[in-house]
């Protein structure tokens, strides 16, 4: 009986996306607006139902990126509508690490967030201020 209950609970949990377990996403915040990311991950054969990164904009003051895995090198850039780099960083990331960019001085407009790794991940998303 215990095995059956455990199996049923495990089956339900495995159908949830990894993001459901993230403590940062567990708190609903009306001031946070998700940035939809599209692109490719480093190995299509290992691609899960969720992307290896998440991103959101908070109060038109900050853009935050969360890594759901460890990476030795990640480059994150914010481009304006003309393709000019407004801000960037390159660093290693640990699981659930958040990288944030202050966008409070950016002019109103449309911006693109680009996340890339040397192993082939290339994700981008658009946000507006």
Protein backbone atom coordinates (compact mmCIF):
# COMPACT_ATOMS: atom_id res chain seq x y z
CA UNK A 1 0.00 0.00 0.00
CA UNK A 2 2.79 2.43 0.93
CA UNK A 3 4.53 1.71 -2.36
CA UNK A 4 1.36 2.47 -4.32
CA UNK A 5 0.85 5.80 -2.54
CA UNK A 6 4.51 6.75 -3.02
CA UNK A 7 4.34 5.81 -6.70
CA UNK A 8 1.19 7.90 -7.21
CA UNK A 9 2.70 10.96 -5.47
CA UNK A 10 5.97 10.58 -7.38
CA UNK A 11 4.06 10.33 -10.68
CA UNK A 12 2.17 13.54 -9.93
CA UNK A 13 5.34 15.43 -8.95
CA UNK A 14 7.24 14.37 -12.06
CA UNK A 15 4.58 15.95 -14.27
CA UNK A 16 5.24 19.40 -12.77
CA UNK A 17 7.78 21.63 -14.49
CA UNK A 18 11.01 22.32 -12.62
CA UNK A 19 9.93 25.94 -12.20
CA UNK A 20 7.13 24.80 -9.89
CA UNK A 21 9.77 23.92 -7.28
CA UNK A 22 11.64 27.21 -7.52
CA UNK A 23 11.35 29.22 -4.29
CA UNK A 24 11.70 32.44 -6.28
CA UNK A 25 8.59 31.65 -8.33
CA UNK A 26 6.53 30.40 -5.40
CA UNK A 27 5.65 33.94 -4.36
CA UNK A 28 3.20 35.70 -6.64
CA UNK A 29 4.17 39.31 -7.14
CA UNK A 30 2.00 41.68 -9.13
CA UNK A 31 5.02 43.87 -9.91
CA UNK A 32 6.85 41.07 -11.76
CA UNK A 33 6.23 40.52 -15.44
CA UNK A 34 7.64 37.37 -17.04
CA UNK A 35 9.80 37.76 -20.12
CA UNK A 36 9.00 34.95 -22.56
CA UNK A 37 12.24 33.34 -23.77
CA UNK A 38 12.55 31.52 -27.09
CA UNK A 39 15.50 29.96 -28.86
CA UNK A 40 17.60 26.84 -28.65
CA UNK A 41 19.26 24.96 -25.82
CA UNK A 42 22.70 23.42 -25.98
CA UNK A 43 21.55 19.85 -26.57
CA UNK A 44 18.14 19.24 -28.14
CA UNK A 45 18.25 15.56 -27.06
CA UNK A 46 18.29 16.62 -23.41
CA UNK A 47 15.81 19.47 -23.76
CA UNK A 48 13.25 19.34 -20.98
CA UNK A 49 9.79 20.85 -20.81
CA UNK A 50 11.26 23.97 -19.25
CA UNK A 51 14.06 26.21 -20.42
CA UNK A 52 17.33 26.33 -18.45
CA UNK A 53 16.72 30.01 -17.64
CA UNK A 54 13.81 32.18 -16.61
CA UNK A 55 13.49 35.97 -16.81
CA UNK A 56 11.23 38.67 -15.50
CA UNK A 57 10.98 42.44 -15.35
CA UNK A 58 10.16 44.15 -12.07
CA UNK A 59 8.53 47.60 -11.87
CA UNK A 60 10.29 48.83 -15.03
CA UNK A 61 13.34 49.17 -12.79
CA UNK A 62 15.05 45.80 -12.99
CA UNK A 63 15.39 42.79 -15.30
CA UNK A 64 16.23 39.53 -13.55
CA UNK A 65 17.43 36.23 -15.00
CA UNK A 66 17.41 32.99 -13.01
CA UNK A 67 19.50 29.97 -13.89
CA UNK A 68 17.92 26.58 -13.20
CA UNK A 69 21.24 24.75 -13.61
CA UNK A 70 24.98 25.37 -13.20
CA UNK A 71 26.89 26.94 -16.10
CA UNK A 72 30.59 27.70 -16.39
CA UNK A 73 30.03 30.63 -18.73
CA UNK A 74 26.87 32.54 -19.60
CA UNK A 75 26.67 35.84 -21.48
CA UNK A 76 23.58 37.96 -20.86
CA UNK A 77 22.97 41.08 -22.95
CA UNK A 78 20.26 43.71 -23.15
CA UNK A 79 19.88 45.30 -26.59
CA UNK A 80 17.86 48.37 -27.52
CA UNK A 81 15.56 48.57 -30.57
CA UNK A 82 18.57 49.47 -32.77
CA UNK A 83 20.52 46.38 -31.67
CA UNK A 84 22.94 48.39 -29.54
CA UNK A 85 24.12 46.66 -26.35
CA UNK A 86 22.81 48.59 -23.35
CA UNK A 87 24.25 46.28 -20.68
CA UNK A 88 25.86 42.85 -20.45
CA UNK A 89 27.63 40.42 -18.16
CA UNK A 90 29.54 37.19 -18.63
CA UNK A 91 29.97 34.87 -15.68
CA UNK A 92 29.48 31.40 -14.32
CA UNK A 93 26.15 30.66 -12.67
CA UNK A 94 25.06 28.21 -10.02
CA UNK A 95 21.58 26.66 -9.81
CA UNK A 96 18.86 29.16 -8.82
CA UNK A 97 21.30 32.07 -9.02
CA UNK A 98 19.67 35.34 -10.07
CA UNK A 99 21.43 37.97 -12.16
CA UNK A 100 19.80 41.40 -12.24
CA UNK A 101 20.21 44.50 -14.37
CA UNK A 102 19.16 48.00 -13.33
CA UNK A 103 17.01 49.38 -16.16
CA UNK A 104 15.61 52.38 -14.27
CA UNK A 105 17.54 54.84 -16.46
CA UNK A 106 16.50 53.25 -19.78
CA UNK A 107 14.26 55.29 -22.07
CA UNK A 108 10.77 54.02 -22.81
CA UNK A 109 10.86 51.52 -25.62
CA UNK A 110 11.35 47.92 -26.65
CA UNK A 111 14.41 45.91 -25.55
CA UNK A 112 15.71 42.41 -26.22
CA UNK A 113 17.25 40.17 -23.60
CA UNK A 114 19.77 37.65 -25.01
CA UNK A 115 21.21 34.71 -23.05
CA UNK A 116 23.93 32.57 -24.62
CA UNK A 117 26.49 29.94 -23.64
CA UNK A 118 29.59 28.66 -25.47
CA UNK A 119 27.96 25.22 -25.75
CA UNK A 120 25.15 26.44 -27.98
CA UNK A 121 22.31 27.76 -25.83
CA UNK A 122 20.86 30.92 -27.36
CA UNK A 123 17.67 32.33 -25.87
CA UNK A 124 16.08 35.72 -26.35
CA UNK A 125 13.03 37.58 -25.12
CA UNK A 126 11.51 41.01 -25.65
CA UNK A 127 10.36 43.39 -22.94
CA UNK A 128 9.09 46.97 -22.93
CA UNK A 129 9.45 49.90 -20.60
